[in-house]
N, C-alpha and C. Protein backbone atom coordinates (compact mmCIF):
# COMPACT_ATOMS: atom_id res chain seq x y z
N MET A 1 27.16 -118.87 -79.94
CA MET A 1 28.49 -119.07 -79.15
C MET A 1 27.82 -117.89 -78.29
N GLY A 2 28.38 -118.59 -77.02
CA GLY A 2 28.15 -117.51 -76.03
C GLY A 2 29.01 -117.12 -75.35
N ALA A 3 28.98 -115.92 -74.59
CA ALA A 3 30.29 -115.23 -74.28
C ALA A 3 30.59 -116.21 -72.77
N GLY A 4 31.96 -115.79 -72.19
CA GLY A 4 32.16 -117.15 -70.81
C GLY A 4 32.27 -115.34 -70.11
N PRO A 5 32.70 -116.07 -68.82
CA PRO A 5 32.83 -115.31 -67.64
C PRO A 5 33.23 -113.29 -68.08
N PHE A 6 34.46 -113.68 -68.90
CA PHE A 6 34.90 -112.52 -69.22
C PHE A 6 35.24 -111.69 -70.74
N GLY A 7 33.55 -112.38 -70.93
CA GLY A 7 33.22 -111.79 -72.35
C GLY A 7 33.44 -112.11 -73.51
N ALA A 8 34.76 -113.32 -73.27
CA ALA A 8 35.50 -114.13 -74.20
C ALA A 8 34.25 -115.09 -75.06
N GLN A 9 34.38 -115.17 -76.22
CA GLN A 9 33.54 -116.42 -76.93
C GLN A 9 33.72 -118.19 -76.20
N ARG A 10 32.68 -118.37 -75.67
CA ARG A 10 32.70 -119.76 -74.96
C ARG A 10 32.54 -120.98 -76.59
N ARG A 11 33.19 -122.04 -76.46
CA ARG A 11 32.76 -122.98 -77.70
C ARG A 11 31.33 -123.20 -76.87
N PRO A 12 30.42 -123.80 -77.90
CA PRO A 12 29.19 -124.18 -77.29
C PRO A 12 29.34 -125.29 -76.61
N ARG A 13 28.23 -125.87 -75.58
CA ARG A 13 27.88 -127.14 -75.27
C ARG A 13 27.56 -127.74 -77.10
N ARG A 14 27.54 -129.37 -76.77
CA ARG A 14 27.30 -129.83 -77.70
C ARG A 14 26.23 -130.14 -77.76
N SER A 15 24.72 -129.95 -77.04
CA SER A 15 23.56 -129.57 -77.18
C SER A 15 23.55 -128.62 -77.81
N ASP A 16 23.81 -127.14 -77.73
CA ASP A 16 23.84 -126.58 -78.41
C ASP A 16 24.36 -125.80 -80.01
N ARG A 17 25.38 -126.83 -80.23
CA ARG A 17 26.01 -126.87 -81.24
C ARG A 17 24.91 -127.48 -82.15
N LYS A 18 24.33 -128.90 -81.63
CA LYS A 18 23.33 -129.61 -82.70
C LYS A 18 22.29 -129.07 -82.63
N ALA A 19 21.51 -127.86 -81.69
CA ALA A 19 20.50 -126.97 -82.23
C ALA A 19 20.97 -126.29 -83.00
N LEU A 20 22.35 -125.27 -83.06
CA LEU A 20 22.56 -124.21 -83.91
C LEU A 20 22.87 -125.74 -85.54
N VAL A 21 23.24 -126.11 -85.46
CA VAL A 21 23.78 -126.66 -86.95
C VAL A 21 22.73 -127.82 -87.62
N GLY A 22 22.30 -128.29 -86.32
CA GLY A 22 21.22 -129.87 -86.54
C GLY A 22 21.53 -131.02 -86.95
N ASP A 23 21.05 -131.79 -87.34
CA ASP A 23 22.03 -132.90 -87.47
C ASP A 23 22.06 -133.15 -89.17
N ARG A 24 23.16 -132.95 -89.76
CA ARG A 24 23.54 -132.65 -90.75
C ARG A 24 23.40 -133.49 -92.07
N GLN A 25 23.55 -135.10 -91.68
CA GLN A 25 22.53 -136.17 -92.70
C GLN A 25 21.25 -135.92 -93.31
N SER A 26 20.46 -135.41 -91.78
CA SER A 26 18.90 -135.48 -91.75
C SER A 26 18.33 -134.13 -92.89
N ALA A 27 19.48 -133.12 -92.46
CA ALA A 27 18.97 -131.80 -93.04
C ALA A 27 19.37 -131.95 -94.04
N GLY A 28 20.59 -132.48 -94.82
CA GLY A 28 20.64 -132.22 -95.82
C GLY A 28 19.18 -133.17 -97.30
N HIS A 29 19.18 -134.93 -96.73
CA HIS A 29 17.97 -135.13 -97.26
C HIS A 29 16.40 -134.41 -96.86
N GLY A 30 16.59 -133.91 -95.46
CA GLY A 30 14.92 -133.14 -95.37
C GLY A 30 15.04 -131.51 -96.56
N SER A 31 16.24 -131.20 -96.71
CA SER A 31 16.14 -130.22 -97.96
C SER A 31 15.88 -131.12 -99.06
N CYS A 32 16.22 -132.02 -99.70
CA CYS A 32 16.39 -132.48 -101.08
C CYS A 32 14.72 -133.08 -100.24
N ALA A 33 14.40 -133.17 -100.05
CA ALA A 33 12.67 -134.26 -99.82
C ALA A 33 11.58 -132.97 -100.26
N ALA A 34 12.49 -131.36 -99.10
CA ALA A 34 11.14 -130.64 -99.24
C ALA A 34 10.92 -130.01 -100.39
N TRP A 35 12.31 -129.94 -101.59
CA TRP A 35 12.35 -129.25 -102.50
C TRP A 35 11.55 -130.29 -103.62
N TYR A 36 11.36 -131.91 -103.48
CA TYR A 36 10.35 -132.24 -104.17
C TYR A 36 9.29 -132.69 -103.92
N ARG A 37 8.64 -132.43 -102.88
CA ARG A 37 7.56 -131.89 -102.26
C ARG A 37 6.72 -130.54 -102.50
N ALA A 38 7.46 -129.65 -102.51
CA ALA A 38 7.05 -128.78 -103.13
C ALA A 38 6.74 -128.55 -104.36
N ARG A 39 7.29 -128.97 -104.99
CA ARG A 39 7.11 -128.75 -107.00
C ARG A 39 5.15 -129.87 -106.74
N GLY A 40 4.95 -130.33 -105.97
CA GLY A 40 3.67 -130.86 -105.67
C GLY A 40 3.60 -131.53 -106.67
N GLU A 41 2.14 -132.33 -106.95
CA GLU A 41 2.36 -133.51 -107.59
C GLU A 41 1.73 -133.12 -109.11
N ARG A 42 2.03 -133.25 -110.57
CA ARG A 42 1.98 -133.17 -111.76
C ARG A 42 1.54 -133.97 -112.42
N ALA A 43 1.04 -133.84 -113.58
CA ALA A 43 0.40 -135.04 -114.20
C ALA A 43 1.11 -136.01 -115.23
N PRO A 44 1.38 -136.75 -115.43
CA PRO A 44 1.98 -137.37 -116.62
C PRO A 44 1.84 -136.30 -117.80
N ILE A 45 3.10 -136.28 -118.49
CA ILE A 45 3.31 -135.56 -119.66
C ILE A 45 3.22 -136.20 -121.05
N GLY A 46 3.31 -137.78 -120.54
CA GLY A 46 3.71 -138.62 -122.33
C GLY A 46 4.55 -138.15 -122.89
N PRO A 47 4.89 -139.29 -124.02
CA PRO A 47 6.18 -139.20 -124.12
C PRO A 47 6.64 -137.80 -124.93
N THR A 48 8.09 -137.43 -124.98
CA THR A 48 8.56 -136.43 -125.86
C THR A 48 8.65 -136.75 -127.35
N ARG A 49 8.18 -136.10 -128.06
CA ARG A 49 7.68 -136.11 -129.53
C ARG A 49 8.45 -135.40 -130.64
N VAL A 50 9.60 -134.94 -129.77
CA VAL A 50 10.34 -134.06 -131.10
C VAL A 50 12.03 -134.68 -130.95
N PRO A 51 12.81 -134.47 -132.15
CA PRO A 51 14.01 -135.44 -132.19
C PRO A 51 15.09 -134.66 -131.17
N THR A 52 15.62 -135.86 -130.35
CA THR A 52 16.11 -135.64 -129.12
C THR A 52 17.61 -136.23 -128.90
N LEU A 53 18.83 -135.10 -128.85
CA LEU A 53 20.48 -135.97 -128.37
C LEU A 53 20.28 -135.87 -127.34
N PHE A 54 20.55 -136.39 -126.40
CA PHE A 54 21.06 -136.73 -125.38
C PHE A 54 22.52 -137.42 -125.09
N ILE A 55 23.19 -136.26 -124.34
CA ILE A 55 24.28 -135.89 -124.46
C ILE A 55 25.10 -136.56 -123.26
N TRP A 56 25.54 -137.56 -122.36
CA TRP A 56 25.66 -137.60 -121.32
C TRP A 56 27.23 -138.28 -121.03
N GLY A 57 27.95 -137.33 -120.02
CA GLY A 57 29.52 -137.98 -119.53
C GLY A 57 29.08 -139.17 -119.19
N GLU A 58 30.23 -140.25 -119.57
CA GLU A 58 30.11 -141.26 -118.53
C GLU A 58 31.28 -141.25 -116.95
N ALA A 59 31.22 -140.22 -116.88
CA ALA A 59 31.85 -139.71 -115.28
C ALA A 59 30.57 -138.88 -114.42
N ASP A 60 29.63 -138.89 -115.21
CA ASP A 60 28.35 -137.71 -114.77
C ASP A 60 27.98 -138.94 -113.00
N ASP A 61 28.33 -138.32 -112.22
CA ASP A 61 27.82 -138.92 -111.18
C ASP A 61 26.95 -138.56 -110.20
N THR A 62 26.10 -137.81 -111.10
CA THR A 62 24.57 -137.36 -110.94
C THR A 62 23.87 -137.97 -111.61
N VAL A 63 23.88 -138.69 -112.60
CA VAL A 63 22.84 -139.17 -113.18
C VAL A 63 23.78 -141.03 -113.74
N GLY A 64 22.98 -141.70 -113.47
CA GLY A 64 23.81 -142.90 -113.81
C GLY A 64 23.50 -143.24 -115.10
N ARG A 65 24.45 -144.44 -115.29
CA ARG A 65 24.08 -144.54 -117.15
C ARG A 65 22.70 -145.72 -117.03
N ILE A 66 22.20 -146.20 -116.16
CA ILE A 66 20.63 -146.93 -116.40
C ILE A 66 19.85 -145.70 -116.16
N ALA A 67 19.54 -144.77 -115.61
CA ALA A 67 19.00 -143.82 -115.81
C ALA A 67 18.77 -143.03 -116.95
N ALA A 68 20.55 -142.79 -117.19
CA ALA A 68 20.52 -141.97 -118.97
C ALA A 68 20.43 -143.20 -120.35
N LYS A 69 20.53 -143.52 -120.10
CA LYS A 69 20.05 -145.40 -121.63
C LYS A 69 18.49 -145.31 -121.35
N GLY A 70 17.94 -145.59 -119.62
CA GLY A 70 16.16 -145.18 -119.74
C GLY A 70 15.30 -144.36 -120.29
N THR A 71 16.32 -143.07 -120.53
CA THR A 71 15.68 -142.17 -121.22
C THR A 71 14.96 -142.43 -122.70
N ALA A 72 15.57 -143.31 -123.05
CA ALA A 72 15.39 -143.63 -124.46
C ALA A 72 13.62 -144.13 -124.76
N GLU A 73 13.16 -144.73 -123.34
CA GLU A 73 11.92 -145.62 -123.28
C GLU A 73 10.72 -144.21 -123.38
N PHE A 74 11.37 -142.89 -122.98
CA PHE A 74 10.35 -141.74 -123.22
C PHE A 74 10.49 -140.70 -124.03
N ILE A 75 11.06 -141.39 -125.59
CA ILE A 75 10.81 -140.76 -126.63
C ILE A 75 10.61 -141.20 -127.71
N GLN A 76 9.41 -141.27 -128.21
CA GLN A 76 8.72 -141.31 -129.53
C GLN A 76 9.12 -140.81 -130.86
N ALA A 77 10.65 -140.20 -130.79
CA ALA A 77 11.36 -139.46 -131.77
C ALA A 77 12.24 -140.26 -132.23
N ASP A 78 12.97 -139.25 -133.02
CA ASP A 78 14.34 -139.84 -133.52
C ASP A 78 15.12 -139.23 -132.02
N TYR A 79 16.38 -140.37 -131.89
CA TYR A 79 16.31 -140.58 -130.37
C TYR A 79 17.91 -140.61 -130.79
N ARG A 80 18.70 -140.04 -130.02
CA ARG A 80 20.13 -140.34 -130.40
C ARG A 80 20.73 -140.37 -128.97
N PHE A 81 21.85 -141.10 -128.11
CA PHE A 81 22.08 -141.49 -127.03
C PHE A 81 23.66 -141.13 -126.99
N VAL A 82 24.26 -140.20 -127.13
CA VAL A 82 25.86 -140.15 -126.84
C VAL A 82 26.66 -140.16 -125.23
N PRO A 83 26.65 -141.47 -125.20
CA PRO A 83 28.08 -141.36 -123.80
C PRO A 83 29.06 -140.88 -124.40
N LEU A 84 30.16 -140.00 -123.42
CA LEU A 84 30.88 -139.25 -123.71
C LEU A 84 32.09 -139.75 -122.97
N PRO A 85 33.18 -141.14 -122.79
CA PRO A 85 34.42 -141.00 -121.99
C PRO A 85 35.07 -140.56 -121.20
N CYS A 86 35.09 -140.26 -119.58
CA CYS A 86 35.78 -139.30 -118.83
C CYS A 86 35.31 -138.07 -119.22
N VAL A 87 33.94 -137.26 -119.61
CA VAL A 87 33.10 -136.38 -119.29
C VAL A 87 32.22 -136.82 -117.91
N GLY A 88 31.74 -135.62 -117.07
CA GLY A 88 31.00 -135.76 -116.21
C GLY A 88 30.58 -135.12 -116.12
N HIS A 89 29.05 -134.21 -115.36
CA HIS A 89 27.65 -134.26 -115.32
C HIS A 89 27.92 -132.49 -116.57
N TYR A 90 28.90 -131.70 -117.14
CA TYR A 90 29.10 -130.87 -117.09
C TYR A 90 29.74 -130.44 -118.36
N ALA A 91 29.02 -131.55 -119.18
CA ALA A 91 29.69 -131.72 -121.08
C ALA A 91 30.02 -130.77 -121.46
N ALA A 92 28.81 -129.61 -121.58
CA ALA A 92 29.66 -128.40 -122.48
C ALA A 92 30.91 -127.63 -122.08
N ASP A 93 30.89 -127.70 -120.47
CA ASP A 93 31.99 -127.19 -120.35
C ASP A 93 33.05 -127.60 -119.80
N GLN A 94 33.39 -129.30 -119.96
CA GLN A 94 34.32 -129.79 -120.37
C GLN A 94 34.24 -129.81 -121.74
N VAL A 95 33.68 -130.20 -122.28
CA VAL A 95 34.56 -130.64 -124.39
C VAL A 95 33.28 -129.53 -124.55
N PRO A 96 33.29 -128.33 -124.77
CA PRO A 96 32.78 -127.34 -125.58
C PRO A 96 32.41 -127.85 -127.14
N ALA A 97 34.15 -127.83 -128.09
CA ALA A 97 34.15 -128.42 -129.28
C ALA A 97 33.53 -130.05 -129.37
N GLU A 98 33.48 -130.56 -128.50
CA GLU A 98 33.00 -132.36 -128.91
C GLU A 98 30.86 -131.58 -128.97
N VAL A 99 31.00 -131.22 -127.74
CA VAL A 99 29.42 -130.84 -127.76
C VAL A 99 28.76 -129.97 -128.86
N ASN A 100 28.87 -128.80 -129.36
CA ASN A 100 29.06 -128.14 -130.47
C ASN A 100 28.98 -128.41 -131.22
N LYS A 101 29.80 -129.52 -131.75
CA LYS A 101 30.06 -130.96 -132.70
C LYS A 101 28.65 -131.73 -133.00
N LEU A 102 28.61 -131.93 -131.91
CA LEU A 102 26.85 -132.73 -131.54
C LEU A 102 26.01 -132.28 -131.94
N LEU A 103 25.68 -130.97 -131.07
CA LEU A 103 24.39 -129.88 -131.32
C LEU A 103 24.19 -129.87 -132.46
N LEU A 104 25.36 -129.53 -133.90
CA LEU A 104 25.18 -129.23 -134.64
C LEU A 104 24.91 -129.68 -136.27
N ASP A 105 25.18 -130.98 -135.86
CA ASP A 105 24.97 -132.31 -136.43
C ASP A 105 23.65 -132.91 -135.66
N HIS A 106 22.85 -132.98 -135.04
CA HIS A 106 22.00 -132.38 -134.38
C HIS A 106 20.92 -131.87 -135.12
N LEU A 107 21.22 -130.59 -135.05
CA LEU A 107 20.52 -129.81 -135.95
C LEU A 107 20.05 -129.25 -137.08
N ALA A 108 21.38 -129.98 -137.95
CA ALA A 108 21.56 -130.06 -139.60
C ALA A 108 20.28 -131.22 -139.95
N ARG A 109 20.31 -132.16 -138.76
CA ARG A 109 19.67 -133.23 -139.14
C ARG A 109 17.85 -133.39 -138.94
N HIS A 110 18.44 -131.87 -138.40
CA HIS A 110 16.44 -132.11 -138.03
C HIS A 110 16.30 -130.66 -137.88
N PRO A 111 16.50 -130.17 -139.20
CA PRO A 111 16.00 -128.47 -139.35
C PRO A 111 14.05 -128.06 -138.72
N VAL A 112 13.93 -126.76 -138.24
CA VAL A 112 13.06 -126.74 -138.18
C VAL A 112 12.31 -125.81 -139.01
């Protein structure tokens, strides 16, 4: 923001605001795309070969049902998919007792 004739702050013109803030929509998408680009190319790692427990909240707005259920095709070991109703992306924070029970059961069935 620039100063007015008496030193007071003036509201930036629209063109100045766009230069300062940028196009919010493209800036957000650009940041996400830049993160993925920065990761670089990765070689395929192959299927997971260890027992896997996938705890998924049905209210998760980050990982959708198709993606969550589709994980099974990448696991070549004992696999258990547990959807939790009314739970979001942070299941361990939202229903810690239930998550702990599931984890302890999984570990008991697959001792190291």
